[in-house]
PDB file of N, CA and C in Angstrom:
ATOM      1  N   UNK A   1      74.319 121.805 123.468  1.00  0.00           N
ATOM      2  CA  UNK A   1      73.960 120.602 122.692  1.00  0.00           C
ATOM      3  C   UNK A   1      74.393 120.550 121.369  1.00  0.00           C
ATOM      4  N   UNK A   2      74.354 122.191 121.062  1.00  0.00           N
ATOM      5  CA  UNK A   2      74.488 122.754 119.898  1.00  0.00           C
ATOM      6  C   UNK A   2      76.139 122.915 119.742  1.00  0.00           C
ATOM      7  N   UNK A   3      77.073 123.431 120.887  1.00  0.00           N
ATOM      8  CA  UNK A   3      78.238 122.989 120.849  1.00  0.00           C
ATOM      9  C   UNK A   3      79.024 121.848 120.171  1.00  0.00           C
ATOM     10  N   UNK A   4      78.114 120.636 120.956  1.00  0.00           N
ATOM     11  CA  UNK A   4      78.572 119.488 121.325  1.00  0.00           C
ATOM     12  C   UNK A   4      78.739 118.806 119.628  1.00  0.00           C
ATOM     13  N   UNK A   5      77.929 119.498 118.698  1.00  0.00           N
ATOM     14  CA  UNK A   5      77.339 118.907 117.736  1.00  0.00           C
ATOM     15  C   UNK A   5      77.988 119.478 116.371  1.00  0.00           C
ATOM     16  N   UNK A   6      78.638 120.233 116.977  1.00  0.00           N
ATOM     17  CA  UNK A   6      79.571 120.785 116.188  1.00  0.00           C
ATOM     18  C   UNK A   6      80.737 120.618 116.426  1.00  0.00           C
ATOM     19  N   UNK A   7      81.591 120.117 117.886  1.00  0.00           N
ATOM     20  CA  UNK A   7      82.393 119.880 117.319  1.00  0.00           C
ATOM     21  C   UNK A   7      82.494 118.347 117.632  1.00  0.00           C
ATOM     22  N   UNK A   8      81.486 117.093 117.390  1.00  0.00           N
ATOM     23  CA  UNK A   8      81.853 116.170 116.669  1.00  0.00           C
ATOM     24  C   UNK A   8      81.936 116.402 114.990  1.00  0.00           C
ATOM     25  N   UNK A   9      80.986 117.749 114.249  1.00  0.00           N
ATOM     26  CA  UNK A   9      81.264 117.297 113.078  1.00  0.00           C
ATOM     27  C   UNK A   9      82.539 118.013 112.471  1.00  0.00           C
ATOM     28  N   UNK A  10      83.154 118.579 113.412  1.00  0.00           N
ATOM     29  CA  UNK A  10      83.908 119.012 112.984  1.00  0.00           C
ATOM     30  C   UNK A  10      85.503 117.496 112.910  1.00  0.00           C
ATOM     31  N   UNK A  11      85.131 117.250 114.201  1.00  0.00           N
ATOM     32  CA  UNK A  11      86.120 116.019 114.719  1.00  0.00           C
ATOM     33  C   UNK A  11      85.757 115.010 113.626  1.00  0.00           C
ATOM     34  N   UNK A  12      84.426 114.506 113.183  1.00  0.00           N
ATOM     35  CA  UNK A  12      83.898 113.432 111.893  1.00  0.00           C
ATOM     36  C   UNK A  12      85.335 114.622 110.305  1.00  0.00           C
ATOM     37  N   UNK A  13      84.751 115.457 110.304  1.00  0.00           N
ATOM     38  CA  UNK A  13      85.103 115.922 108.864  1.00  0.00           C
ATOM     39  C   UNK A  13      87.085 115.378 109.129  1.00  0.00           C
ATOM     40  N   UNK A  14      87.740 115.638 110.323  1.00  0.00           N
ATOM     41  CA  UNK A  14      88.847 115.604 110.427  1.00  0.00           C
ATOM     42  C   UNK A  14      89.291 114.319 109.605  1.00  0.00           C
ATOM     43  N   UNK A  15      88.435 113.538 110.586  1.00  0.00           N
ATOM     44  CA  UNK A  15      89.288 111.996 110.198  1.00  0.00           C
ATOM     45  C   UNK A  15      88.799 111.250 109.248  1.00  0.00           C
ATOM     46  N   UNK A  16      87.553 111.935 108.610  1.00  0.00           N
ATOM     47  CA  UNK A  16      87.506 111.531 107.490  1.00  0.00           C
ATOM     48  C   UNK A  16      87.336 112.098 106.034  1.00  0.00           C
ATOM     49  N   UNK A  17      88.776 113.237 106.157  1.00  0.00           N
ATOM     50  CA  UNK A  17      88.867 113.562 104.693  1.00  0.00           C
ATOM     51  C   UNK A  17      89.584 113.050 104.278  1.00  0.00           C
ATOM     52  N   UNK A  18      90.404 112.891 103.049  1.00  0.00           N
ATOM     53  CA  UNK A  18      90.596 112.427 101.883  1.00  0.00           C
ATOM     54  C   UNK A  18      92.481 112.314 102.009  1.00  0.00           C
ATOM     55  N   UNK A  19      92.571 113.762 102.411  1.00  0.00           N
ATOM     56  CA  UNK A  19      94.106 113.979 102.708  1.00  0.00           C
ATOM     57  C   UNK A  19      94.398 112.807 103.992  1.00  0.00           C
ATOM     58  N   UNK A  20      93.594 112.534 105.182  1.00  0.00           N
ATOM     59  CA  UNK A  20      94.172 112.160 106.509  1.00  0.00           C
ATOM     60  C   UNK A  20      94.707 110.631 105.590  1.00  0.00           C
ATOM     61  N   UNK A  21      93.414 110.515 104.913  1.00  0.00           N
ATOM     62  CA  UNK A  21      93.937 108.499 104.386  1.00  0.00           C
ATOM     63  C   UNK A  21      95.272 108.489 102.721  1.00  0.00           C
ATOM     64  N   UNK A  22      95.552 110.085 102.919  1.00  0.00           N
ATOM     65  CA  UNK A  22      96.502 109.183 101.813  1.00  0.00           C
ATOM     66  C   UNK A  22      97.901 110.221 102.267  1.00  0.00           C
ATOM     67  N   UNK A  23      98.475 109.481 103.545  1.00  0.00           N
ATOM     68  CA  UNK A  23      99.203 109.778 104.439  1.00  0.00           C
ATOM     69  C   UNK A  23     100.176 108.684 103.964  1.00  0.00           C
ATOM     70  N   UNK A  24     101.710 108.550 104.250  1.00  0.00           N
ATOM     71  CA  UNK A  24     102.699 107.533 103.850  1.00  0.00           C
ATOM     72  C   UNK A  24     103.073 107.755 105.208  1.00  0.00           C
ATOM     73  N   UNK A  25     103.419 106.377 106.012  1.00  0.00           N
ATOM     74  CA  UNK A  25     103.252 106.920 107.385  1.00  0.00           C
ATOM     75  C   UNK A  25     105.969 106.124 107.250  1.00  0.00           C
ATOM     76  N   UNK A  26     106.145 106.789 107.543  1.00  0.00           N
ATOM     77  CA  UNK A  26     107.762 106.450 107.212  1.00  0.00           C
ATOM     78  C   UNK A  26     108.124 105.369 108.803  1.00  0.00           C
ATOM     79  N   UNK A  27     106.960 105.837 109.946  1.00  0.00           N
ATOM     80  CA  UNK A  27     108.227 104.872 110.615  1.00  0.00           C
ATOM     81  C   UNK A  27     107.234 103.292 110.660  1.00  0.00           C
ATOM     82  N   UNK A  28     106.197 103.542 110.342  1.00  0.00           N
ATOM     83  CA  UNK A  28     105.659 102.206 110.530  1.00  0.00           C
ATOM     84  C   UNK A  28     105.992 101.458 109.491  1.00  0.00           C
ATOM     85  N   UNK A  29     106.144 101.613 107.944  1.00  0.00           N
ATOM     86  CA  UNK A  29     106.242 101.267 106.746  1.00  0.00           C
ATOM     87  C   UNK A  29     104.820 101.056 106.503  1.00  0.00           C
ATOM     88  N   UNK A  30     104.501 100.826 105.073  1.00  0.00           N
ATOM     89  CA  UNK A  30     103.209 100.076 104.548  1.00  0.00           C
ATOM     90  C   UNK A  30     102.814  98.697 104.876  1.00  0.00           C
ATOM     91  N   UNK A  31     102.998  98.527 106.108  1.00  0.00           N
ATOM     92  CA  UNK A  31     102.667  96.926 106.187  1.00  0.00           C
ATOM     93  C   UNK A  31     101.800  96.487 107.418  1.00  0.00           C
ATOM     94  N   UNK A  32     101.950  95.122 107.879  1.00  0.00           N
ATOM     95  CA  UNK A  32     100.855  94.879 109.035  1.00  0.00           C
ATOM     96  C   UNK A  32     101.220  96.060 109.168  1.00  0.00           C
ATOM     97  N   UNK A  33     102.318  95.872 110.853  1.00  0.00           N
ATOM     98  CA  UNK A  33     102.232  97.018 111.699  1.00  0.00           C
ATOM     99  C   UNK A  33     101.645  98.499 111.295  1.00  0.00           C
ATOM    100  N   UNK A  34     101.486  98.398 110.370  1.00  0.00           N
ATOM    101  CA  UNK A  34     101.125 100.396 109.773  1.00  0.00           C
ATOM    102  C   UNK A  34      99.267  99.792 110.262  1.00  0.00           C
ATOM    103  N   UNK A  35      99.103  99.075 109.428  1.00  0.00           N
ATOM    104  CA  UNK A  35      97.335  98.473 109.497  1.00  0.00           C
ATOM    105  C   UNK A  35      97.085  98.611 110.717  1.00  0.00           C
ATOM    106  N   UNK A  36      97.666  97.659 111.615  1.00  0.00           N
ATOM    107  CA  UNK A  36      97.001  97.304 113.090  1.00  0.00           C
ATOM    108  C   UNK A  36      97.146  98.575 113.808  1.00  0.00           C
ATOM    109  N   UNK A  37      98.283  99.644 113.743  1.00  0.00           N
ATOM    110  CA  UNK A  37      98.586 100.975 114.543  1.00  0.00           C
ATOM    111  C   UNK A  37      96.711 101.293 113.790  1.00  0.00           C
ATOM    112  N   UNK A  38      96.122 101.193 112.433  1.00  0.00           N
ATOM    113  CA  UNK A  38      94.816 102.213 111.947  1.00  0.00           C
ATOM    114  C   UNK A  38      94.083 101.607 113.572  1.00  0.00           C
ATOM    115  N   UNK A  39      94.268 100.228 113.464  1.00  0.00           N
ATOM    116  CA  UNK A  39      92.827 100.167 113.872  1.00  0.00           C
ATOM    117  C   UNK A  39      92.919  99.708 115.542  1.00  0.00           C
ATOM    118  N   UNK A  40      93.966  99.386 115.932  1.00  0.00           N
ATOM    119  CA  UNK A  40      94.041 100.579 117.253  1.00  0.00           C
ATOM    120  C   UNK A  40      93.664 101.736 117.661  1.00  0.00           C
ATOM    121  N   UNK A  41      94.182 102.651 116.644  1.00  0.00           N
ATOM    122  CA  UNK A  41      94.257 104.278 116.822  1.00  0.00           C
ATOM    123  C   UNK A  41      92.449 104.037 116.627  1.00  0.00           C
ATOM    124  N   UNK A  42      91.503 103.693 114.940  1.00  0.00           N
ATOM    125  CA  UNK A  42      90.089 103.924 115.534  1.00  0.00           C
ATOM    126  C   UNK A  42      89.697 103.092 116.871  1.00  0.00           C
ATOM    127  N   UNK A  43      89.721 101.491 116.560  1.00  0.00           N
ATOM    128  CA  UNK A  43      89.188 101.658 118.455  1.00  0.00           C
ATOM    129  C   UNK A  43      89.619 102.640 119.501  1.00  0.00           C
ATOM    130  N   UNK A  44      90.845 102.987 120.161  1.00  0.00           N
ATOM    131  CA  UNK A  44      90.410 104.036 120.811  1.00  0.00           C
ATOM    132  C   UNK A  44      89.202 105.467 120.748  1.00  0.00           C
ATOM    133  N   UNK A  45      89.267 105.744 119.437  1.00  0.00           N
ATOM    134  CA  UNK A  45      88.975 106.503 118.897  1.00  0.00           C
ATOM    135  C   UNK A  45      87.220 106.492 119.500  1.00  0.00           C
ATOM    136  N   UNK A  46      86.603 104.982 118.418  1.00  0.00           N
ATOM    137  CA  UNK A  46      85.456 105.113 119.035  1.00  0.00           C
ATOM    138  C   UNK A  46      85.042 104.916 120.802  1.00  0.00           C
ATOM    139  N   UNK A  47      86.285 104.429 120.802  1.00  0.00           N
ATOM    140  CA  UNK A  47      86.227 104.169 122.323  1.00  0.00           C
ATOM    141  C   UNK A  47      85.530 105.153 123.097  1.00  0.00           C
ATOM    142  N   UNK A  48      86.353 106.473 122.934  1.00  0.00           N
ATOM    143  CA  UNK A  48      86.112 107.603 123.490  1.00  0.00           C
ATOM    144  C   UNK A  48      84.811 108.584 123.760  1.00  0.00           C
ATOM    145  N   UNK A  49      84.524 108.032 122.353  1.00  0.00           N
ATOM    146  CA  UNK A  49      82.916 108.146 121.254  1.00  0.00           C
ATOM    147  C   UNK A  49      82.160 108.236 122.515  1.00  0.00           C
ATOM    148  N   UNK A  50      82.120 106.770 122.568  1.00  0.00           N
ATOM    149  CA  UNK A  50      81.071 105.909 123.187  1.00  0.00           C
ATOM    150  C   UNK A  50      81.282 106.551 124.904  1.00  0.00           C
ATOM    151  N   UNK A  51      82.547 106.248 125.351  1.00  0.00           N
ATOM    152  CA  UNK A  51      81.984 106.393 126.587  1.00  0.00           C
ATOM    153  C   UNK A  51      81.687 108.206 127.225  1.00  0.00           C
ATOM    154  N   UNK A  52      82.321 109.090 126.167  1.00  0.00           N
ATOM    155  CA  UNK A  52      81.673 110.469 126.272  1.00  0.00           C
ATOM    156  C   UNK A  52      80.247 110.727 126.309  1.00  0.00           C
ATOM    157  N   UNK A  53      80.036 109.763 125.012  1.00  0.00           N
ATOM    158  CA  UNK A  53      78.162 109.581 124.516  1.00  0.00           C
ATOM    159  C   UNK A  53      77.176 109.286 126.264  1.00  0.00           C
ATOM    160  N   UNK A  54      77.963 107.640 127.330  1.00  0.00           N
ATOM    161  CA  UNK A  54      77.112 107.406 128.027  1.00  0.00           C
ATOM    162  C   UNK A  54      77.575 108.248 129.172  1.00  0.00           C
ATOM    163  N   UNK A  55      78.942 109.064 129.576  1.00  0.00           N
ATOM    164  CA  UNK A  55      79.376 110.649 130.241  1.00  0.00           C
ATOM    165  C   UNK A  55      77.875 111.058 130.090  1.00  0.00           C
ATOM    166  N   UNK A  56      77.401 112.065 129.219  1.00  0.00           N
ATOM    167  CA  UNK A  56      77.260 112.698 128.848  1.00  0.00           C
ATOM    168  C   UNK A  56      75.409 112.427 129.394  1.00  0.00           C
ATOM    169  N   UNK A  57      75.251 111.304 128.470  1.00  0.00           N
ATOM    170  CA  UNK A  57      73.360 110.282 128.769  1.00  0.00           C
ATOM    171  C   UNK A  57      73.280 110.654 130.283  1.00  0.00           C
ATOM    172  N   UNK A  58      73.903 109.521 131.115  1.00  0.00           N
ATOM    173  CA  UNK A  58      74.072 109.705 132.655  1.00  0.00           C
ATOM    174  C   UNK A  58      74.416 111.065 133.226  1.00  0.00           C
ATOM    175  N   UNK A  59      75.089 112.239 132.981  1.00  0.00           N
ATOM    176  CA  UNK A  59      74.603 113.351 132.927  1.00  0.00           C
ATOM    177  C   UNK A  59      73.312 113.918 133.205  1.00  0.00           C
ATOM    178  N   UNK A  60      72.400 113.739 131.853  1.00  0.00           N
ATOM    179  CA  UNK A  60      71.781 114.211 131.707  1.00  0.00           C
ATOM    180  C   UNK A  60      70.575 113.363 132.730  1.00  0.00           C
ATOM    181  N   UNK A  61      70.456 112.158 132.779  1.00  0.00           N
ATOM    182  CA  UNK A  61      69.463 111.641 133.120  1.00  0.00           C
ATOM    183  C   UNK A  61      69.861 112.510 135.080  1.00  0.00           C
ATOM    184  N   UNK A  62      70.218 112.840 135.696  1.00  0.00           N
ATOM    185  CA  UNK A  62      71.031 113.519 136.986  1.00  0.00           C
ATOM    186  C   UNK A  62      70.027 114.584 136.409  1.00  0.00           C
TER     187      UNK A  62
END
């Protein structure tokens, strides 16, 4: 459990650091496509975290 909490703390810090938000995207530009990419990206991140949490809970119940 301690290892998982350390991993999640590092992951959250990595994704919420100000340097990550201060990027320019030359491939997508700064318009609607860029915003859509970020929405999809964060949806996938939260879906993976949700599935990992559900897997961990079901593993502990057994």
